[in-house]
Amino acid sequence: MDKAAKSQFEKQTVKYIEDKKIYDVLENLLRKLALNQPNDPIDFLIDQLAHKKPNFIISIVGTDVDIHKACENISLQLNLKRIDADDLVAKEIQKNTDLGKAFQKTKSGNERSNVSLCDIQ
């Protein structure tokens, strides 16, 4: 394989892995494997892949509760990946997408949303 073909292959591979969220799946599987420490890790992984049920903790509350702190605590205690709506908005703004521009127009100052997700796949 020449350099150009190899470079194209690597780009396509990385795009596929990112698009399909393979890193997230593998990270989640390794986390479950480390937490459960089954006697037969291969069977455990096969079972996890065969019976994958995505679950989420979604929390939307009033302004009197610090939902961000609460979800951070939950994610740390349960070893979950935390997704914060404000982080998603900030990424869209940073990428300067149409959605990011719309967020910028409607969002003022350091105002935070009251939405936080904990992914518990």
PDB file of N, CA and C in Angstrom:
ATOM      1  N   MET A   1       0.856  -1.170   0.000  1.00  0.00           N
ATOM      2  CA  MET A   1       0.000   0.000   0.000  1.00  0.00           C
ATOM      3  C   MET A   1       0.908   1.240   0.000  1.00  0.00           C
ATOM      4  N   ASP A   2       0.698   2.138  -0.954  1.00  0.00           N
ATOM      5  CA  ASP A   2       1.526   3.349  -0.995  1.00  0.00           C
ATOM      6  C   ASP A   2       1.071   4.348   0.066  1.00  0.00           C
ATOM      7  N   LYS A   3       1.852   5.405   0.251  1.00  0.00           N
ATOM      8  CA  LYS A   3       1.577   6.376   1.317  1.00  0.00           C
ATOM      9  C   LYS A   3       0.216   7.034   1.165  1.00  0.00           C
ATOM     10  N   ALA A   4      -0.140   7.398  -0.054  1.00  0.00           N
ATOM     11  CA  ALA A   4      -1.429   8.072  -0.288  1.00  0.00           C
ATOM     12  C   ALA A   4      -2.590   7.143   0.058  1.00  0.00           C
ATOM     13  N   ALA A   5      -2.495   5.892  -0.375  1.00  0.00           N
ATOM     14  CA  ALA A   5      -3.551   4.920  -0.084  1.00  0.00           C
ATOM     15  C   ALA A   5      -3.637   4.646   1.408  1.00  0.00           C
ATOM     16  N   LYS A   6      -2.472   4.538   2.057  1.00  0.00           N
ATOM     17  CA  LYS A   6      -2.443   4.300   3.499  1.00  0.00           C
ATOM     18  C   LYS A   6      -3.068   5.469   4.255  1.00  0.00           C
ATOM     19  N   SER A   7      -2.734   6.685   3.840  1.00  0.00           N
ATOM     20  CA  SER A   7      -3.293   7.877   4.481  1.00  0.00           C
ATOM     21  C   SER A   7      -4.813   7.932   4.310  1.00  0.00           C
ATOM     22  N   GLN A   8      -5.279   7.624   3.096  1.00  0.00           N
ATOM     23  CA  GLN A   8      -6.724   7.623   2.835  1.00  0.00           C
ATOM     24  C   GLN A   8      -7.414   6.557   3.676  1.00  0.00           C
ATOM     25  N   PHE A   9      -6.811   5.374   3.764  1.00  0.00           N
ATOM     26  CA  PHE A   9      -7.371   4.292   4.570  1.00  0.00           C
ATOM     27  C   PHE A   9      -7.471   4.704   6.040  1.00  0.00           C
ATOM     28  N   GLU A  10      -6.407   5.322   6.562  1.00  0.00           N
ATOM     29  CA  GLU A  10      -6.403   5.760   7.956  1.00  0.00           C
ATOM     30  C   GLU A  10      -7.492   6.807   8.202  1.00  0.00           C
ATOM     31  N   LYS A  11      -7.660   7.750   7.292  1.00  0.00           N
ATOM     32  CA  LYS A  11      -8.701   8.777   7.435  1.00  0.00           C
ATOM     33  C   LYS A  11     -10.090   8.147   7.443  1.00  0.00           C
ATOM     34  N   GLN A  12     -10.310   7.206   6.526  1.00  0.00           N
ATOM     35  CA  GLN A  12     -11.609   6.532   6.457  1.00  0.00           C
ATOM     36  C   GLN A  12     -11.861   5.719   7.719  1.00  0.00           C
ATOM     37  N   THR A  13     -10.830   5.069   8.232  1.00  0.00           N
ATOM     38  CA  THR A  13     -10.963   4.266   9.444  1.00  0.00           C
ATOM     39  C   THR A  13     -11.308   5.137  10.641  1.00  0.00           C
ATOM     40  N   VAL A  14     -10.585   6.231  10.813  1.00  0.00           N
ATOM     41  CA  VAL A  14     -10.846   7.147  11.924  1.00  0.00           C
ATOM     42  C   VAL A  14     -12.255   7.713  11.809  1.00  0.00           C
ATOM     43  N   LYS A  15     -12.668   8.109  10.616  1.00  0.00           N
ATOM     44  CA  LYS A  15     -14.016   8.663  10.425  1.00  0.00           C
ATOM     45  C   LYS A  15     -15.078   7.628  10.807  1.00  0.00           C
ATOM     46  N   TYR A  16     -14.892   6.391  10.357  1.00  0.00           N
ATOM     47  CA  TYR A  16     -15.830   5.326  10.686  1.00  0.00           C
ATOM     48  C   TYR A  16     -15.919   5.118  12.197  1.00  0.00           C
ATOM     49  N   ILE A  17     -14.756   5.021  12.847  1.00  0.00           N
ATOM     50  CA  ILE A  17     -14.714   4.789  14.292  1.00  0.00           C
ATOM     51  C   ILE A  17     -15.378   5.930  15.050  1.00  0.00           C
ATOM     52  N   GLU A  18     -15.152   7.157  14.625  1.00  0.00           N
ATOM     53  CA  GLU A  18     -15.774   8.316  15.277  1.00  0.00           C
ATOM     54  C   GLU A  18     -17.272   8.370  14.990  1.00  0.00           C
ATOM     55  N   ASP A  19     -17.652   8.158  13.726  1.00  0.00           N
ATOM     56  CA  ASP A  19     -19.068   8.208  13.357  1.00  0.00           C
ATOM     57  C   ASP A  19     -19.902   7.153  14.084  1.00  0.00           C
ATOM     58  N   LYS A  20     -19.337   5.971  14.222  1.00  0.00           N
ATOM     59  CA  LYS A  20     -20.055   4.861  14.862  1.00  0.00           C
ATOM     60  C   LYS A  20     -19.850   4.819  16.371  1.00  0.00           C
ATOM     61  N   LYS A  21     -19.062   5.768  16.903  1.00  0.00           N
ATOM     62  CA  LYS A  21     -18.806   5.882  18.342  1.00  0.00           C
ATOM     63  C   LYS A  21     -18.189   4.602  18.925  1.00  0.00           C
ATOM     64  N   ILE A  22     -17.289   4.007  18.164  1.00  0.00           N
ATOM     65  CA  ILE A  22     -16.644   2.768  18.578  1.00  0.00           C
ATOM     66  C   ILE A  22     -15.816   2.971  19.847  1.00  0.00           C
ATOM     67  N   TYR A  23     -15.106   4.106  19.938  1.00  0.00           N
ATOM     68  CA  TYR A  23     -14.308   4.374  21.144  1.00  0.00           C
ATOM     69  C   TYR A  23     -15.205   4.387  22.381  1.00  0.00           C
ATOM     70  N   ASP A  24     -16.365   5.019  22.270  1.00  0.00           N
ATOM     71  CA  ASP A  24     -17.289   5.081  23.404  1.00  0.00           C
ATOM     72  C   ASP A  24     -17.769   3.687  23.796  1.00  0.00           C
ATOM     73  N   VAL A  25     -18.086   2.876  22.803  1.00  0.00           N
ATOM     74  CA  VAL A  25     -18.556   1.515  23.070  1.00  0.00           C
ATOM     75  C   VAL A  25     -17.463   0.708  23.767  1.00  0.00           C
ATOM     76  N   LEU A  26     -16.237   0.784  23.241  1.00  0.00           N
ATOM     77  CA  LEU A  26     -15.136   0.029  23.842  1.00  0.00           C
ATOM     78  C   LEU A  26     -14.814   0.520  25.247  1.00  0.00           C
ATOM     79  N   GLU A  27     -14.833   1.835  25.435  1.00  0.00           N
ATOM     80  CA  GLU A  27     -14.583   2.389  26.765  1.00  0.00           C
ATOM     81  C   GLU A  27     -15.638   1.907  27.756  1.00  0.00           C
ATOM     82  N   ASN A  28     -16.889   1.907  27.330  1.00  0.00           N
ATOM     83  CA  ASN A  28     -17.977   1.456  28.187  1.00  0.00           C
ATOM     84  C   ASN A  28     -17.834  -0.033  28.513  1.00  0.00           C
ATOM     85  N   LEU A  29     -17.477  -0.836  27.520  1.00  0.00           N
ATOM     86  CA  LEU A  29     -17.283  -2.269  27.753  1.00  0.00           C
ATOM     87  C   LEU A  29     -16.130  -2.521  28.726  1.00  0.00           C
ATOM     88  N   LEU A  30     -15.035  -1.804  28.556  1.00  0.00           N
ATOM     89  CA  LEU A  30     -13.902  -1.968  29.472  1.00  0.00           C
ATOM     90  C   LEU A  30     -14.260  -1.528  30.887  1.00  0.00           C
ATOM     91  N   ARG A  31     -15.046  -0.461  31.005  1.00  0.00           N
ATOM     92  CA  ARG A  31     -15.484   0.009  32.323  1.00  0.00           C
ATOM     93  C   ARG A  31     -16.336  -1.071  32.995  1.00  0.00           C
ATOM     94  N   LYS A  32     -17.286  -1.652  32.250  1.00  0.00           N
ATOM     95  CA  LYS A  32     -18.131  -2.702  32.808  1.00  0.00           C
ATOM     96  C   LYS A  32     -17.310  -3.937  33.175  1.00  0.00           C
ATOM     97  N   LEU A  33     -16.338  -4.255  32.337  1.00  0.00           N
ATOM     98  CA  LEU A  33     -15.475  -5.401  32.593  1.00  0.00           C
ATOM     99  C   LEU A  33     -14.676  -5.191  33.878  1.00  0.00           C
ATOM    100  N   ALA A  34     -14.125  -4.005  34.051  1.00  0.00           N
ATOM    101  CA  ALA A  34     -13.335  -3.705  35.254  1.00  0.00           C
ATOM    102  C   ALA A  34     -14.204  -3.685  36.502  1.00  0.00           C
ATOM    103  N   LEU A  35     -15.421  -3.157  36.398  1.00  0.00           N
ATOM    104  CA  LEU A  35     -16.316  -3.092  37.553  1.00  0.00           C
ATOM    105  C   LEU A  35     -16.817  -4.478  37.964  1.00  0.00           C
ATOM    106  N   ASN A  36     -17.159  -5.302  36.987  1.00  0.00           N
ATOM    107  CA  ASN A  36     -17.751  -6.614  37.280  1.00  0.00           C
ATOM    108  C   ASN A  36     -16.715  -7.716  37.478  1.00  0.00           C
ATOM    109  N   GLN A  37     -15.564  -7.606  36.828  1.00  0.00           N
ATOM    110  CA  GLN A  37     -14.490  -8.589  36.899  1.00  0.00           C
ATOM    111  C   GLN A  37     -15.009 -10.030  36.825  1.00  0.00           C
ATOM    112  N   PRO A  38     -15.678 -10.368  35.730  1.00  0.00           N
ATOM    113  CA  PRO A  38     -16.243 -11.723  35.606  1.00  0.00           C
ATOM    114  C   PRO A  38     -15.147 -12.771  35.439  1.00  0.00           C
ATOM    115  N   ASN A  39     -15.484 -14.003  35.818  1.00  0.00           N
ATOM    116  CA  ASN A  39     -14.532 -15.107  35.668  1.00  0.00           C
ATOM    117  C   ASN A  39     -14.224 -15.380  34.200  1.00  0.00           C
ATOM    118  N   ASP A  40     -15.227 -15.206  33.344  1.00  0.00           N
ATOM    119  CA  ASP A  40     -15.034 -15.412  31.908  1.00  0.00           C
ATOM    120  C   ASP A  40     -15.288 -14.089  31.192  1.00  0.00           C
ATOM    121  N   PRO A  41     -14.253 -13.280  31.023  1.00  0.00           N
ATOM    122  CA  PRO A  41     -14.447 -11.953  30.444  1.00  0.00           C
ATOM    123  C   PRO A  41     -14.959 -11.971  29.003  1.00  0.00           C
ATOM    124  N   ILE A  42     -14.582 -12.981  28.234  1.00  0.00           N
ATOM    125  CA  ILE A  42     -15.029 -13.045  26.835  1.00  0.00           C
ATOM    126  C   ILE A  42     -16.533 -13.274  26.773  1.00  0.00           C
ATOM    127  N   ASP A  43     -17.034 -14.243  27.545  1.00  0.00           N
ATOM    128  CA  ASP A  43     -18.484 -14.470  27.582  1.00  0.00           C
ATOM    129  C   ASP A  43     -19.222 -13.233  28.088  1.00  0.00           C
ATOM    130  N   PHE A  44     -18.651 -12.579  29.081  1.00  0.00           N
ATOM    131  CA  PHE A  44     -19.248 -11.357  29.619  1.00  0.00           C
ATOM    132  C   PHE A  44     -19.362 -10.295  28.522  1.00  0.00           C
ATOM    133  N   LEU A  45     -18.284 -10.089  27.766  1.00  0.00           N
ATOM    134  CA  LEU A  45     -18.293  -9.088  26.703  1.00  0.00           C
ATOM    135  C   LEU A  45     -19.279  -9.460  25.599  1.00  0.00           C
ATOM    136  N   ILE A  46     -19.315 -10.734  25.251  1.00  0.00           N
ATOM    137  CA  ILE A  46     -20.274 -11.194  24.238  1.00  0.00           C
ATOM    138  C   ILE A  46     -21.694 -10.915  24.702  1.00  0.00           C
ATOM    139  N   ASP A  47     -21.977 -11.228  25.966  1.00  0.00           N
ATOM    140  CA  ASP A  47     -23.306 -10.977  26.527  1.00  0.00           C
ATOM    141  C   ASP A  47     -23.635  -9.484  26.521  1.00  0.00           C
ATOM    142  N   GLN A  48     -22.667  -8.652  26.879  1.00  0.00           N
ATOM    143  CA  GLN A  48     -22.893  -7.209  26.892  1.00  0.00           C
ATOM    144  C   GLN A  48     -23.206  -6.683  25.491  1.00  0.00           C
ATOM    145  N   LEU A  49     -22.500  -7.173  24.495  1.00  0.00           N
ATOM    146  CA  LEU A  49     -22.737  -6.738  23.123  1.00  0.00           C
ATOM    147  C   LEU A  49     -24.064  -7.267  22.581  1.00  0.00           C
ATOM    148  N   ALA A  50     -24.415  -8.497  22.973  1.00  0.00           N
ATOM    149  CA  ALA A  50     -25.649  -9.104  22.473  1.00  0.00           C
ATOM    150  C   ALA A  50     -26.895  -8.491  23.114  1.00  0.00           C
ATOM    151  N   HIS A  51     -26.764  -7.984  24.335  1.00  0.00           N
ATOM    152  CA  HIS A  51     -27.927  -7.479  25.066  1.00  0.00           C
ATOM    153  C   HIS A  51     -27.785  -6.011  25.436  1.00  0.00           C
ATOM    154  N   LYS A  52     -27.148  -5.250  24.581  1.00  0.00           N
ATOM    155  CA  LYS A  52     -26.916  -3.839  24.880  1.00  0.00           C
ATOM    156  C   LYS A  52     -28.248  -3.089  24.908  1.00  0.00           C
ATOM    157  N   LYS A  53     -28.524  -2.489  26.048  1.00  0.00           N
ATOM    158  CA  LYS A  53     -29.725  -1.676  26.211  1.00  0.00           C
ATOM    159  C   LYS A  53     -29.275  -0.308  26.682  1.00  0.00           C
ATOM    160  N   PRO A  54     -29.360   0.702  25.829  1.00  0.00           N
ATOM    161  CA  PRO A  54     -28.943   2.026  26.285  1.00  0.00           C
ATOM    162  C   PRO A  54     -29.903   2.564  27.344  1.00  0.00           C
ATOM    163  N   ASN A  55     -29.334   3.080  28.406  1.00  0.00           N
ATOM    164  CA  ASN A  55     -30.101   3.681  29.487  1.00  0.00           C
ATOM    165  C   ASN A  55     -29.526   5.050  29.791  1.00  0.00           C
ATOM    166  N   PHE A  56     -30.376   5.941  30.212  1.00  0.00           N
ATOM    167  CA  PHE A  56     -29.924   7.283  30.541  1.00  0.00           C
ATOM    168  C   PHE A  56     -30.602   7.766  31.802  1.00  0.00           C
ATOM    169  N   ILE A  57     -29.882   8.557  32.561  1.00  0.00           N
ATOM    170  CA  ILE A  57     -30.501   9.320  33.629  1.00  0.00           C
ATOM    171  C   ILE A  57     -30.609  10.732  33.075  1.00  0.00           C
ATOM    172  N   ILE A  58     -31.804  11.223  32.959  1.00  0.00           N
ATOM    173  CA  ILE A  58     -32.007  12.571  32.445  1.00  0.00           C
ATOM    174  C   ILE A  58     -32.588  13.397  33.570  1.00  0.00           C
ATOM    175  N   SER A  59     -31.959  14.524  33.817  1.00  0.00           N
ATOM    176  CA  SER A  59     -32.387  15.347  34.929  1.00  0.00           C
ATOM    177  C   SER A  59     -32.647  16.770  34.468  1.00  0.00           C
ATOM    178  N   ILE A  60     -33.853  17.236  34.682  1.00  0.00           N
ATOM    179  CA  ILE A  60     -34.226  18.603  34.367  1.00  0.00           C
ATOM    180  C   ILE A  60     -34.922  19.159  35.604  1.00  0.00           C
ATOM    181  N   VAL A  61     -34.357  20.219  36.172  1.00  0.00           N
ATOM    182  CA  VAL A  61     -34.910  20.748  37.419  1.00  0.00           C
ATOM    183  C   VAL A  61     -34.957  22.268  37.378  1.00  0.00           C
ATOM    184  N   GLY A  62     -35.560  22.814  38.412  1.00  0.00           N
ATOM    185  CA  GLY A  62     -35.618  24.271  38.559  1.00  0.00           C
ATOM    186  C   GLY A  62     -34.265  24.849  38.917  1.00  0.00           C
ATOM    187  N   THR A  63     -34.196  26.161  38.966  1.00  0.00           N
ATOM    188  CA  THR A  63     -32.923  26.848  39.181  1.00  0.00           C
ATOM    189  C   THR A  63     -32.431  26.787  40.620  1.00  0.00           C
ATOM    190  N   ASP A  64     -33.260  26.336  41.555  1.00  0.00           N
ATOM    191  CA  ASP A  64     -32.828  26.306  42.953  1.00  0.00           C
ATOM    192  C   ASP A  64     -31.940  25.113  43.287  1.00  0.00           C
ATOM    193  N   VAL A  65     -31.818  24.155  42.375  1.00  0.00           N
ATOM    194  CA  VAL A  65     -30.991  22.975  42.596  1.00  0.00           C
ATOM    195  C   VAL A  65     -29.802  23.031  41.633  1.00  0.00           C
ATOM    196  N   ASP A  66     -28.609  22.746  42.140  1.00  0.00           N
ATOM    197  CA  ASP A  66     -27.434  22.723  41.270  1.00  0.00           C
ATOM    198  C   ASP A  66     -27.364  21.359  40.591  1.00  0.00           C
ATOM    199  N   ILE A  67     -28.089  21.239  39.482  1.00  0.00           N
ATOM    200  CA  ILE A  67     -28.187  19.967  38.777  1.00  0.00           C
ATOM    201  C   ILE A  67     -26.835  19.506  38.251  1.00  0.00           C
ATOM    202  N   HIS A  68     -25.995  20.456  37.886  1.00  0.00           N
ATOM    203  CA  HIS A  68     -24.683  20.100  37.357  1.00  0.00           C
ATOM    204  C   HIS A  68     -23.845  19.391  38.427  1.00  0.00           C
ATOM    205  N   LYS A  69     -23.898  19.902  39.634  1.00  0.00           N
ATOM    206  CA  LYS A  69     -23.164  19.294  40.754  1.00  0.00           C
ATOM    207  C   LYS A  69     -23.768  17.924  41.094  1.00  0.00           C
ATOM    208  N   ALA A  70     -25.091  17.849  41.105  1.00  0.00           N
ATOM    209  CA  ALA A  70     -25.766  16.593  41.422  1.00  0.00           C
ATOM    210  C   ALA A  70     -25.427  15.513  40.395  1.00  0.00           C
ATOM    211  N   CYS A  71     -25.476  15.859  39.114  1.00  0.00           N
ATOM    212  CA  CYS A  71     -25.162  14.870  38.077  1.00  0.00           C
ATOM    213  C   CYS A  71     -23.691  14.496  38.084  1.00  0.00           C
ATOM    214  N   GLU A  72     -22.834  15.453  38.404  1.00  0.00           N
ATOM    215  CA  GLU A  72     -21.407  15.149  38.519  1.00  0.00           C
ATOM    216  C   GLU A  72     -21.191  14.121  39.628  1.00  0.00           C
ATOM    217  N   ASN A  73     -21.861  14.308  40.759  1.00  0.00           N
ATOM    218  CA  ASN A  73     -21.753  13.357  41.868  1.00  0.00           C
ATOM    219  C   ASN A  73     -22.269  11.976  41.476  1.00  0.00           C
ATOM    220  N   ILE A  74     -23.411  11.941  40.803  1.00  0.00           N
ATOM    221  CA  ILE A  74     -23.984  10.668  40.357  1.00  0.00           C
ATOM    222  C   ILE A  74     -23.018   9.964  39.408  1.00  0.00           C
ATOM    223  N   SER A  75     -22.498  10.712  38.436  1.00  0.00           N
ATOM    224  CA  SER A  75     -21.606  10.091  37.458  1.00  0.00           C
ATOM    225  C   SER A  75     -20.325   9.582  38.099  1.00  0.00           C
ATOM    226  N   LEU A  76     -19.808  10.292  39.096  1.00  0.00           N
ATOM    227  CA  LEU A  76     -18.602   9.834  39.790  1.00  0.00           C
ATOM    228  C   LEU A  76     -18.882   8.594  40.634  1.00  0.00           C
ATOM    229  N   GLN A  77     -20.001   8.595  41.344  1.00  0.00           N
ATOM    230  CA  GLN A  77     -20.327   7.461  42.218  1.00  0.00           C
ATOM    231  C   GLN A  77     -20.621   6.197  41.427  1.00  0.00           C
ATOM    232  N   LEU A  78     -21.275   6.349  40.273  1.00  0.00           N
ATOM    233  CA  LEU A  78     -21.671   5.184  39.486  1.00  0.00           C
ATOM    234  C   LEU A  78     -20.742   4.920  38.308  1.00  0.00           C
ATOM    235  N   ASN A  79     -19.669   5.717  38.216  1.00  0.00           N
ATOM    236  CA  ASN A  79     -18.706   5.579  37.123  1.00  0.00           C
ATOM    237  C   ASN A  79     -19.382   5.685  35.765  1.00  0.00           C
ATOM    238  N   LEU A  80     -20.150   6.750  35.584  1.00  0.00           N
ATOM    239  CA  LEU A  80     -20.884   6.989  34.351  1.00  0.00           C
ATOM    240  C   LEU A  80     -20.263   8.138  33.576  1.00  0.00           C
ATOM    241  N   LYS A  81     -20.485   8.119  32.291  1.00  0.00           N
ATOM    242  CA  LYS A  81     -20.077   9.242  31.453  1.00  0.00           C
ATOM    243  C   LYS A  81     -21.151  10.317  31.568  1.00  0.00           C
ATOM    244  N   ARG A  82     -20.739  11.539  31.883  1.00  0.00           N
ATOM    245  CA  ARG A  82     -21.684  12.641  32.067  1.00  0.00           C
ATOM    246  C   ARG A  82     -21.718  13.496  30.813  1.00  0.00           C
ATOM    247  N   ILE A  83     -22.915  13.813  30.368  1.00  0.00           N
ATOM    248  CA  ILE A  83     -23.105  14.682  29.219  1.00  0.00           C
ATOM    249  C   ILE A  83     -23.851  15.907  29.709  1.00  0.00           C
ATOM    250  N   ASP A  84     -23.283  17.058  29.499  1.00  0.00           N
ATOM    251  CA  ASP A  84     -23.862  18.302  29.982  1.00  0.00           C
ATOM    252  C   ASP A  84     -24.379  19.106  28.785  1.00  0.00           C
ATOM    253  N   ALA A  85     -25.614  19.539  28.849  1.00  0.00           N
ATOM    254  CA  ALA A  85     -26.207  20.300  27.750  1.00  0.00           C
ATOM    255  C   ALA A  85     -25.391  21.546  27.448  1.00  0.00           C
ATOM    256  N   ASP A  86     -24.869  22.204  28.486  1.00  0.00           N
ATOM    257  CA  ASP A  86     -24.068  23.406  28.265  1.00  0.00           C
ATOM    258  C   ASP A  86     -22.789  23.092  27.498  1.00  0.00           C
ATOM    259  N   ASP A  87     -22.198  21.928  27.774  1.00  0.00           N
ATOM    260  CA  ASP A  87     -20.996  21.530  27.038  1.00  0.00           C
ATOM    261  C   ASP A  87     -21.322  21.288  25.572  1.00  0.00           C
ATOM    262  N   LEU A  88     -22.460  20.656  25.311  1.00  0.00           N
ATOM    263  CA  LEU A  88     -22.865  20.407  23.927  1.00  0.00           C
ATOM    264  C   LEU A  88     -23.101  21.722  23.184  1.00  0.00           C
ATOM    265  N   VAL A  89     -23.747  22.664  23.862  1.00  0.00           N
ATOM    266  CA  VAL A  89     -23.989  23.978  23.264  1.00  0.00           C
ATOM    267  C   VAL A  89     -22.661  24.673  22.983  1.00  0.00           C
ATOM    268  N   ALA A  90     -21.746  24.638  23.951  1.00  0.00           N
ATOM    269  CA  ALA A  90     -20.439  25.292  23.786  1.00  0.00           C
ATOM    270  C   ALA A  90     -19.674  24.703  22.601  1.00  0.00           C
ATOM    271  N   LYS A  91     -19.762  23.399  22.408  1.00  0.00           N
ATOM    272  CA  LYS A  91     -19.080  22.770  21.279  1.00  0.00           C
ATOM    273  C   LYS A  91     -19.661  23.244  19.952  1.00  0.00           C
ATOM    274  N   GLU A  92     -20.984  23.355  19.908  1.00  0.00           N
ATOM    275  CA  GLU A  92     -21.625  23.835  18.679  1.00  0.00           C
ATOM    276  C   GLU A  92     -21.217  25.280  18.387  1.00  0.00           C
ATOM    277  N   ILE A  93     -21.144  26.097  19.433  1.00  0.00           N
ATOM    278  CA  ILE A  93     -20.729  27.495  19.267  1.00  0.00           C
ATOM    279  C   ILE A  93     -19.270  27.540  18.810  1.00  0.00           C
ATOM    280  N   GLN A  94     -18.423  26.724  19.431  1.00  0.00           N
ATOM    281  CA  GLN A  94     -17.005  26.692  19.077  1.00  0.00           C
ATOM    282  C   GLN A  94     -16.797  26.257  17.629  1.00  0.00           C
ATOM    283  N   LYS A  95     -17.603  25.284  17.176  1.00  0.00           N
ATOM    284  CA  LYS A  95     -17.480  24.812  15.793  1.00  0.00           C
ATOM    285  C   LYS A  95     -18.093  25.806  14.800  1.00  0.00           C
ATOM    286  N   ASN A  96     -18.779  26.821  15.340  1.00  0.00           N
ATOM    287  CA  ASN A  96     -19.402  27.868  14.528  1.00  0.00           C
ATOM    288  C   ASN A  96     -20.442  27.296  13.554  1.00  0.00           C
ATOM    289  N   THR A  97     -21.179  26.293  14.008  1.00  0.00           N
ATOM    290  CA  THR A  97     -22.227  25.703  13.175  1.00  0.00           C
ATOM    291  C   THR A  97     -23.453  26.609  13.192  1.00  0.00           C
ATOM    292  N   ASP A  98     -24.388  26.337  12.297  1.00  0.00           N
ATOM    293  CA  ASP A  98     -25.636  27.112  12.294  1.00  0.00           C
ATOM    294  C   ASP A  98     -26.351  26.980  13.630  1.00  0.00           C
ATOM    295  N   LEU A  99     -26.335  25.778  14.178  1.00  0.00           N
ATOM    296  CA  LEU A  99     -26.951  25.552  15.477  1.00  0.00           C
ATOM    297  C   LEU A  99     -26.226  26.359  16.550  1.00  0.00           C
ATOM    298  N   GLY A 100     -24.896  26.362  16.507  1.00  0.00           N
ATOM    299  CA  GLY A 100     -24.112  27.139  17.451  1.00  0.00           C
ATOM    300  C   GLY A 100     -24.420  28.624  17.366  1.00  0.00           C
ATOM    301  N   LYS A 101     -24.566  29.123  16.154  1.00  0.00           N
ATOM    302  CA  LYS A 101     -24.905  30.543  15.960  1.00  0.00           C
ATOM    303  C   LYS A 101     -26.284  30.846  16.542  1.00  0.00           C
ATOM    304  N   ALA A 102     -27.227  29.919  16.357  1.00  0.00           N
ATOM    305  CA  ALA A 102     -28.573  30.117  16.909  1.00  0.00           C
ATOM    306  C   ALA A 102     -28.523  30.123  18.433  1.00  0.00           C
ATOM    307  N   PHE A 103     -27.727  29.228  19.014  1.00  0.00           N
ATOM    308  CA  PHE A 103     -27.568  29.207  20.465  1.00  0.00           C
ATOM    309  C   PHE A 103     -26.990  30.528  20.967  1.00  0.00           C
ATOM    310  N   GLN A 104     -25.999  31.024  20.241  1.00  0.00           N
ATOM    311  CA  GLN A 104     -25.351  32.268  20.658  1.00  0.00           C
ATOM    312  C   GLN A 104     -26.342  33.426  20.683  1.00  0.00           C
ATOM    313  N   LYS A 105     -27.239  33.446  19.723  1.00  0.00           N
ATOM    314  CA  LYS A 105     -28.228  34.527  19.656  1.00  0.00           C
ATOM    315  C   LYS A 105     -29.214  34.463  20.822  1.00  0.00           C
ATOM    316  N   THR A 106     -29.567  33.246  21.252  1.00  0.00           N
ATOM    317  CA  THR A 106     -30.586  33.096  22.290  1.00  0.00           C
ATOM    318  C   THR A 106     -30.033  33.010  23.696  1.00  0.00           C
ATOM    319  N   LYS A 107     -28.767  32.667  23.831  1.00  0.00           N
ATOM    320  CA  LYS A 107     -28.175  32.462  25.153  1.00  0.00           C
ATOM    321  C   LYS A 107     -27.413  33.712  25.573  1.00  0.00           C
ATOM    322  N   SER A 108     -27.673  34.196  26.764  1.00  0.00           N
ATOM    323  CA  SER A 108     -27.013  35.422  27.211  1.00  0.00           C
ATOM    324  C   SER A 108     -25.995  35.137  28.301  1.00  0.00           C
ATOM    325  N   GLY A 109     -24.842  35.749  28.212  1.00  0.00           N
ATOM    326  CA  GLY A 109     -23.825  35.699  29.264  1.00  0.00           C
ATOM    327  C   GLY A 109     -23.431  34.307  29.691  1.00  0.00           C
ATOM    328  N   ASN A 110     -23.343  34.103  30.994  1.00  0.00           N
ATOM    329  CA  ASN A 110     -22.921  32.816  31.554  1.00  0.00           C
ATOM    330  C   ASN A 110     -24.103  31.977  32.009  1.00  0.00           C
ATOM    331  N   GLU A 111     -25.243  32.260  31.482  1.00  0.00           N
ATOM    332  CA  GLU A 111     -26.458  31.530  31.838  1.00  0.00           C
ATOM    333  C   GLU A 111     -26.261  30.044  31.558  1.00  0.00           C
ATOM    334  N   ARG A 112     -26.672  29.208  32.508  1.00  0.00           N
ATOM    335  CA  ARG A 112     -26.545  27.765  32.356  1.00  0.00           C
ATOM    336  C   ARG A 112     -27.921  27.139  32.209  1.00  0.00           C
ATOM    337  N   SER A 113     -27.955  26.037  31.482  1.00  0.00           N
ATOM    338  CA  SER A 113     -29.221  25.332  31.360  1.00  0.00           C
ATOM    339  C   SER A 113     -29.426  24.456  32.582  1.00  0.00           C
ATOM    340  N   ASN A 114     -30.592  23.871  32.687  1.00  0.00           N
ATOM    341  CA  ASN A 114     -30.887  22.966  33.785  1.00  0.00           C
ATOM    342  C   ASN A 114     -31.061  21.540  33.286  1.00  0.00           C
ATOM    343  N   VAL A 115     -30.280  21.187  32.266  1.00  0.00           N
ATOM    344  CA  VAL A 115     -30.358  19.848  31.699  1.00  0.00           C
ATOM    345  C   VAL A 115     -28.987  19.197  31.789  1.00  0.00           C
ATOM    346  N   SER A 116     -28.968  17.978  32.319  1.00  0.00           N
ATOM    347  CA  SER A 116     -27.738  17.216  32.401  1.00  0.00           C
ATOM    348  C   SER A 116     -28.094  15.753  32.226  1.00  0.00           C
ATOM    349  N   LEU A 117     -27.270  15.030  31.508  1.00  0.00           N
ATOM    350  CA  LEU A 117     -27.535  13.621  31.246  1.00  0.00           C
ATOM    351  C   LEU A 117     -26.387  12.782  31.791  1.00  0.00           C
ATOM    352  N   CYS A 118     -26.703  11.615  32.312  1.00  0.00           N
ATOM    353  CA  CYS A 118     -25.691  10.641  32.680  1.00  0.00           C
ATOM    354  C   CYS A 118     -25.958   9.402  31.841  1.00  0.00           C
ATOM    355  N   ASP A 119     -25.009   9.024  31.022  1.00  0.00           N
ATOM    356  CA  ASP A 119     -25.144   7.869  30.155  1.00  0.00           C
ATOM    357  C   ASP A 119     -24.803   6.616  30.959  1.00  0.00           C
ATOM    358  N   ILE A 120     -25.765   5.725  31.105  1.00  0.00           N
ATOM    359  CA  ILE A 120     -25.508   4.521  31.905  1.00  0.00           C
ATOM    360  C   ILE A 120     -25.651   3.259  31.051  1.00  0.00           C
ATOM    361  N   GLN A 121     -25.160   3.305  29.851  1.00  0.00           N
ATOM    362  CA  GLN A 121     -25.245   2.130  28.984  1.00  0.00           C
ATOM    363  C   GLN A 121     -24.659   0.972  29.708  1.00  0.00           C
TER     364      GLN A 121
END
